[in-house]
């Protein structure tokens, strides 16, 4: 990924948090955190990675709400960031947060199953 694509991604991430948090009034959209934005080198496509607080149903509803608001979000980004062409955007769940929590719980489980004093083995 080019340096420029990284910069655009970071700027989009900052603006998206503001747009999703304050501008969109869709009741389906829950508590969303924009964790990352991956922009292609030609700045034509942007994948927005999100994490959502709640159960699977809340996550799905949030994704539907964000998908419906894609046009509005894209036009807001276009007004805030000076680019010749605003990238097409798509939303995906950031599985790394869930994956990280799973790894952490497995490590905790392993530590709790080990004997307390290793010298006694």
C-alpha atoms as a PDB file:
ATOM      1  CA  UNK A   1       0.000   0.000   0.000  1.00  0.00           C
ATOM      2  CA  UNK A   2       1.347   3.410  -0.916  1.00  0.00           C
ATOM      3  CA  UNK A   3       2.192   6.122   1.594  1.00  0.00           C
ATOM      4  CA  UNK A   4      -0.593   8.283   0.151  1.00  0.00           C
ATOM      5  CA  UNK A   5      -3.162   5.480   0.498  1.00  0.00           C
ATOM      6  CA  UNK A   6      -2.115   5.103   4.158  1.00  0.00           C
ATOM      7  CA  UNK A   7      -2.584   8.825   4.758  1.00  0.00           C
ATOM      8  CA  UNK A   8      -6.000   8.828   3.067  1.00  0.00           C
ATOM      9  CA  UNK A   9      -7.000   5.754   5.117  1.00  0.00           C
ATOM     10  CA  UNK A  10      -5.989   7.422   8.384  1.00  0.00           C
ATOM     11  CA  UNK A  11      -7.849  10.610   7.476  1.00  0.00           C
ATOM     12  CA  UNK A  12     -10.937   8.610   6.498  1.00  0.00           C
ATOM     13  CA  UNK A  13     -10.790   6.675   9.776  1.00  0.00           C
ATOM     14  CA  UNK A  14     -10.803   9.929  11.747  1.00  0.00           C
ATOM     15  CA  UNK A  15     -13.674  11.421   9.726  1.00  0.00           C
ATOM     16  CA  UNK A  16     -15.723   8.196   9.754  1.00  0.00           C
ATOM     17  CA  UNK A  17     -15.750   8.056  13.543  1.00  0.00           C
ATOM     18  CA  UNK A  18     -17.196  11.565  13.562  1.00  0.00           C
ATOM     19  CA  UNK A  19     -19.710  10.871  10.756  1.00  0.00           C
ATOM     20  CA  UNK A  20     -20.989   7.565  12.172  1.00  0.00           C
ATOM     21  CA  UNK A  21     -21.079   8.863  15.741  1.00  0.00           C
ATOM     22  CA  UNK A  22     -22.802  12.194  15.131  1.00  0.00           C
ATOM     23  CA  UNK A  23     -24.385  12.445  11.675  1.00  0.00           C
ATOM     24  CA  UNK A  24     -26.191   9.145  11.129  1.00  0.00           C
ATOM     25  CA  UNK A  25     -29.491   8.804  12.974  1.00  0.00           C
ATOM     26  CA  UNK A  26     -30.372   5.223  11.953  1.00  0.00           C
ATOM     27  CA  UNK A  27     -31.650   3.379  15.074  1.00  0.00           C
ATOM     28  CA  UNK A  28     -30.226   0.089  13.767  1.00  0.00           C
ATOM     29  CA  UNK A  29     -26.676   1.358  14.126  1.00  0.00           C
ATOM     30  CA  UNK A  30     -25.284   0.510  17.537  1.00  0.00           C
ATOM     31  CA  UNK A  31     -22.042   1.493  19.213  1.00  0.00           C
ATOM     32  CA  UNK A  32     -19.515   1.322  16.365  1.00  0.00           C
ATOM     33  CA  UNK A  33     -15.745   1.668  16.514  1.00  0.00           C
ATOM     34  CA  UNK A  34     -13.866   2.174  13.247  1.00  0.00           C
ATOM     35  CA  UNK A  35     -10.755   0.055  13.812  1.00  0.00           C
ATOM     36  CA  UNK A  36      -9.066   0.460  10.424  1.00  0.00           C
ATOM     37  CA  UNK A  37      -9.526   1.694   6.871  1.00  0.00           C
ATOM     38  CA  UNK A  38      -7.718  -0.094   4.036  1.00  0.00           C
ATOM     39  CA  UNK A  39      -7.495   1.991   0.857  1.00  0.00           C
ATOM     40  CA  UNK A  40      -6.287   0.536  -2.432  1.00  0.00           C
ATOM     41  CA  UNK A  41      -3.178   2.067  -4.023  1.00  0.00           C
ATOM     42  CA  UNK A  42      -5.252   3.783  -6.735  1.00  0.00           C
ATOM     43  CA  UNK A  43      -7.572   5.267  -4.057  1.00  0.00           C
ATOM     44  CA  UNK A  44     -10.630   3.772  -5.778  1.00  0.00           C
ATOM     45  CA  UNK A  45     -11.755   1.374  -3.033  1.00  0.00           C
ATOM     46  CA  UNK A  46     -11.813   1.632   0.759  1.00  0.00           C
ATOM     47  CA  UNK A  47     -12.663  -1.201   3.118  1.00  0.00           C
ATOM     48  CA  UNK A  48     -13.760   0.080   6.505  1.00  0.00           C
ATOM     49  CA  UNK A  49     -13.188  -2.334   9.372  1.00  0.00           C
ATOM     50  CA  UNK A  50     -15.535  -1.922  12.319  1.00  0.00           C
ATOM     51  CA  UNK A  51     -16.205  -3.517  15.662  1.00  0.00           C
ATOM     52  CA  UNK A  52     -19.683  -3.340  17.152  1.00  0.00           C
ATOM     53  CA  UNK A  53     -20.691  -3.699  20.779  1.00  0.00           C
ATOM     54  CA  UNK A  54     -23.472  -6.242  21.199  1.00  0.00           C
ATOM     55  CA  UNK A  55     -24.691  -9.645  20.054  1.00  0.00           C
ATOM     56  CA  UNK A  56     -24.792 -11.058  16.512  1.00  0.00           C
ATOM     57  CA  UNK A  57     -28.216  -9.545  15.776  1.00  0.00           C
ATOM     58  CA  UNK A  58     -27.046  -6.060  16.794  1.00  0.00           C
ATOM     59  CA  UNK A  59     -23.914  -6.486  14.669  1.00  0.00           C
ATOM     60  CA  UNK A  60     -25.944  -7.512  11.610  1.00  0.00           C
ATOM     61  CA  UNK A  61     -28.410  -4.641  12.087  1.00  0.00           C
ATOM     62  CA  UNK A  62     -25.531  -2.179  12.384  1.00  0.00           C
ATOM     63  CA  UNK A  63     -23.975  -3.513   9.179  1.00  0.00           C
ATOM     64  CA  UNK A  64     -27.335  -3.182   7.370  1.00  0.00           C
ATOM     65  CA  UNK A  65     -27.762   0.380   8.643  1.00  0.00           C
ATOM     66  CA  UNK A  66     -24.236   1.359   7.585  1.00  0.00           C
ATOM     67  CA  UNK A  67     -24.697  -0.258   4.165  1.00  0.00           C
ATOM     68  CA  UNK A  68     -27.899   1.726   3.653  1.00  0.00           C
ATOM     69  CA  UNK A  69     -26.077   4.939   4.633  1.00  0.00           C
ATOM     70  CA  UNK A  70     -23.073   4.264   2.363  1.00  0.00           C
ATOM     71  CA  UNK A  71     -24.027   6.982  -0.149  1.00  0.00           C
ATOM     72  CA  UNK A  72     -24.449   9.579   2.591  1.00  0.00           C
ATOM     73  CA  UNK A  73     -21.195   8.541   4.317  1.00  0.00           C
ATOM     74  CA  UNK A  74     -19.312   8.672   1.025  1.00  0.00           C
ATOM     75  CA  UNK A  75     -20.607  12.172   0.209  1.00  0.00           C
ATOM     76  CA  UNK A  76     -19.672  13.363   3.726  1.00  0.00           C
ATOM     77  CA  UNK A  77     -16.148  11.988   3.270  1.00  0.00           C
ATOM     78  CA  UNK A  78     -15.972  13.669  -0.145  1.00  0.00           C
ATOM     79  CA  UNK A  79     -16.789  17.037   1.433  1.00  0.00           C
ATOM     80  CA  UNK A  80     -14.297  16.600   4.284  1.00  0.00           C
ATOM     81  CA  UNK A  81     -11.307  15.145   2.415  1.00  0.00           C
ATOM     82  CA  UNK A  82     -10.070  16.814  -0.739  1.00  0.00           C
ATOM     83  CA  UNK A  83      -9.712  14.038  -3.299  1.00  0.00           C
ATOM     84  CA  UNK A  84     -10.391  14.058  -7.008  1.00  0.00           C
ATOM     85  CA  UNK A  85     -12.630  11.015  -6.576  1.00  0.00           C
ATOM     86  CA  UNK A  86     -14.006   9.690  -3.297  1.00  0.00           C
ATOM     87  CA  UNK A  87     -13.284   5.945  -2.932  1.00  0.00           C
ATOM     88  CA  UNK A  88     -16.095   3.406  -3.077  1.00  0.00           C
ATOM     89  CA  UNK A  89     -16.599   2.179   0.475  1.00  0.00           C
ATOM     90  CA  UNK A  90     -17.544  -1.158   1.981  1.00  0.00           C
ATOM     91  CA  UNK A  91     -17.875  -2.205   5.603  1.00  0.00           C
ATOM     92  CA  UNK A  92     -16.510  -5.368   7.183  1.00  0.00           C
ATOM     93  CA  UNK A  93     -16.297  -6.626  10.735  1.00  0.00           C
ATOM     94  CA  UNK A  94     -12.817  -6.473  12.213  1.00  0.00           C
ATOM     95  CA  UNK A  95     -12.369 -10.066  13.300  1.00  0.00           C
ATOM     96  CA  UNK A  96      -8.970  -9.331  14.862  1.00  0.00           C
ATOM     97  CA  UNK A  97     -10.644  -7.968  18.017  1.00  0.00           C
ATOM     98  CA  UNK A  98     -12.668 -11.168  18.477  1.00  0.00           C
ATOM     99  CA  UNK A  99      -9.617 -13.260  17.570  1.00  0.00           C
ATOM    100  CA  UNK A 100      -7.458 -11.389  20.101  1.00  0.00           C
ATOM    101  CA  UNK A 101     -10.030 -11.893  22.864  1.00  0.00           C
ATOM    102  CA  UNK A 102     -10.189 -15.614  22.057  1.00  0.00           C
ATOM    103  CA  UNK A 103      -6.382 -15.954  22.210  1.00  0.00           C
ATOM    104  CA  UNK A 104      -6.317 -14.078  25.529  1.00  0.00           C
ATOM    105  CA  UNK A 105      -8.973 -16.327  27.069  1.00  0.00           C
ATOM    106  CA  UNK A 106      -7.087 -19.453  25.894  1.00  0.00           C
ATOM    107  CA  UNK A 107      -3.836 -18.182  27.448  1.00  0.00           C
ATOM    108  CA  UNK A 108      -5.661 -17.431  30.714  1.00  0.00           C
ATOM    109  CA  UNK A 109      -7.189 -20.914  30.634  1.00  0.00           C
ATOM    110  CA  UNK A 110      -3.769 -22.544  30.078  1.00  0.00           C
ATOM    111  CA  UNK A 111      -2.227 -20.580  32.968  1.00  0.00           C
ATOM    112  CA  UNK A 112      -5.042 -21.533  35.340  1.00  0.00           C
ATOM    113  CA  UNK A 113      -4.609 -25.255  34.498  1.00  0.00           C
ATOM    114  CA  UNK A 114      -0.834 -25.317  35.135  1.00  0.00           C
ATOM    115  CA  UNK A 115       0.530 -26.233  38.559  1.00  0.00           C
ATOM    116  CA  UNK A 116       1.408 -23.201  40.698  1.00  0.00           C
ATOM    117  CA  UNK A 117       4.975 -24.274  41.532  1.00  0.00           C
ATOM    118  CA  UNK A 118       7.053 -25.682  38.680  1.00  0.00           C
ATOM    119  CA  UNK A 119       9.774 -27.039  41.041  1.00  0.00           C
ATOM    120  CA  UNK A 120       7.428 -29.771  42.297  1.00  0.00           C
ATOM    121  CA  UNK A 121       7.129 -31.494  38.905  1.00  0.00           C
END
